Protein backbone atom coordinates (compact mmCIF):
# COMPACT_ATOMS: atom_id res chain seq x y z
CA UNK A 1 96.02 101.02 110.07
CA UNK A 2 99.54 100.67 108.33
CA UNK A 3 99.93 99.09 105.00
CA UNK A 4 102.97 99.91 102.80
CA UNK A 5 106.15 100.85 103.12
CA UNK A 6 106.64 103.63 99.82
CA UNK A 7 106.91 101.98 97.10
CA UNK A 8 108.19 105.42 95.47
CA UNK A 9 110.00 107.06 98.83
CA UNK A 10 112.13 109.85 95.51
CA UNK A 11 108.86 110.71 93.65
CA UNK A 12 106.68 111.47 96.59
CA UNK A 13 109.92 113.93 98.64
CA UNK A 14 110.79 115.37 95.36
CA UNK A 15 106.70 116.19 95.07
CA UNK A 16 106.60 117.14 99.12
CA UNK A 17 110.63 118.34 99.98
CA UNK A 18 110.70 115.80 102.39
CA UNK A 19 113.08 112.76 102.37
CA UNK A 20 110.04 109.74 102.60
CA UNK A 21 112.27 107.29 102.74
CA UNK A 22 111.74 104.61 105.14
CA UNK A 23 108.19 106.29 106.14
CA UNK A 24 105.33 103.78 105.02
CA UNK A 25 101.82 104.29 104.12
CA UNK A 26 98.90 104.83 106.94
CA UNK A 27 95.33 104.80 106.99
CA UNK A 28 92.83 105.99 109.55
CA UNK A 29 89.34 105.54 110.47
CA UNK A 30 89.47 109.59 110.21
CA UNK A 31 90.76 109.04 106.71
CA UNK A 32 88.20 106.16 105.79
CA UNK A 33 84.79 108.20 106.89
CA UNK A 34 85.49 111.38 105.64
CA UNK A 35 85.96 110.15 102.05
CA UNK A 36 83.57 107.79 102.28
CA UNK A 37 81.13 110.49 103.56
CA UNK A 38 82.38 113.48 100.71
CA UNK A 39 83.13 110.72 98.00
CA UNK A 40 81.00 107.86 98.98
CA UNK A 41 77.22 109.28 97.50
CA UNK A 42 76.19 107.98 94.37
CA UNK A 43 74.33 110.52 93.68
CA UNK A 44 76.96 112.92 94.70
CA UNK A 45 79.51 111.93 92.57
CA UNK A 46 78.09 111.02 89.67
CA UNK A 47 77.12 114.87 88.40
CA UNK A 48 80.64 115.13 89.54
CA UNK A 49 81.81 112.36 86.67
CA UNK A 50 83.16 110.38 89.86
CA UNK A 51 82.41 106.90 91.25
CA UNK A 52 81.19 106.94 95.10
CA UNK A 53 83.99 104.79 96.91
CA UNK A 54 82.49 101.98 99.29
CA UNK A 55 84.72 100.21 101.83
CA UNK A 56 85.86 97.76 99.90
CA UNK A 57 87.67 100.05 97.49
CA UNK A 58 90.24 100.81 100.98
CA UNK A 59 91.96 96.99 100.44
CA UNK A 60 93.09 98.18 96.96
CA UNK A 61 94.78 100.89 99.43
CA UNK A 62 98.01 98.86 98.41
CA UNK A 63 97.42 98.62 95.30
CA UNK A 64 96.99 101.96 94.54
CA UNK A 65 100.22 103.45 96.38
CA UNK A 66 102.60 100.81 94.25
CA UNK A 67 101.20 100.97 90.38
CA UNK A 68 100.18 104.86 91.08
CA UNK A 69 102.28 107.58 89.82
CA UNK A 70 103.39 110.55 92.04
CA UNK A 71 101.83 114.16 91.34
CA UNK A 72 102.21 117.68 93.21
CA UNK A 73 98.82 118.39 94.47
CA UNK A 74 96.22 121.08 93.96
CA UNK A 75 96.06 124.20 96.90
CA UNK A 76 95.37 122.95 99.86
CA UNK A 77 94.73 124.47 103.67
CA UNK A 78 96.62 121.78 104.85
CA UNK A 79 99.82 122.90 107.13
CA UNK A 80 101.34 119.31 106.42
CA UNK A 81 104.04 118.69 103.13
CA UNK A 82 101.22 116.85 100.61
CA UNK A 83 101.15 114.27 97.98
CA UNK A 84 98.97 112.96 95.41
CA UNK A 85 98.90 109.44 94.38
CA UNK A 86 96.96 109.01 90.51
CA UNK A 87 96.57 104.98 89.82
CA UNK A 88 94.24 103.71 86.74
CA UNK A 89 93.70 99.33 88.16
CA UNK A 90 91.43 97.14 86.09
CA UNK A 91 89.70 100.73 84.29
CA UNK A 92 89.43 102.58 87.37
CA UNK A 93 91.07 106.09 88.18
CA UNK A 94 91.75 106.51 91.95
CA UNK A 95 92.96 110.25 93.45
CA UNK A 96 95.09 109.17 96.86
CA UNK A 97 95.53 112.29 98.61
CA UNK A 98 97.80 111.91 101.29
CA UNK A 99 99.87 113.91 103.34
CA UNK A 100 104.06 113.50 105.06
CA UNK A 101 103.97 113.19 109.35
CA UNK A 102 107.60 113.44 109.34
CA UNK A 103 107.51 112.91 112.87
CA UNK A 104 105.79 109.21 112.84
CA UNK A 105 107.54 108.73 109.63
CA UNK A 106 104.42 108.26 108.10
CA UNK A 107 102.70 108.85 104.90
CA UNK A 108 98.82 109.52 106.00
CA UNK A 109 95.70 108.77 103.80
CA UNK A 110 93.41 111.92 103.67
CA UNK A 111 91.02 110.91 101.16
CA UNK A 112 90.84 108.83 98.02
CA UNK A 113 88.37 109.44 94.88
CA UNK A 114 87.39 107.00 92.12
CA UNK A 115 86.25 107.62 88.24
CA UNK A 116 86.20 106.08 84.59
CA UNK A 117 89.24 105.66 83.29
CA UNK A 118 92.64 107.23 84.39
CA UNK A 119 93.03 110.87 85.79
């Protein structure tokens, strides 16, 4: 599912080295499943100082990518250019990780994490 045009193409391009003007943000069932599996259990997330992600939290994705700031990612194994968007909405910090899929002209969500306050 595609959900938004890129709001900050210059910032994402700077971090990834790819001109993303005209790209769209997208989220797949696979990335939702990954996020819920890895970051959806309150018993696992609480000791990390994080809040478990629920299916309802994905409704905020357009707002997160529109309001957030773009950052370089932590080291990762992906061969695709990657970026992070951090946003705080209603006292909750969101840490959105995305990959650039230049051939499809998309920025695909990889994962989402949450915690109280900003990242």
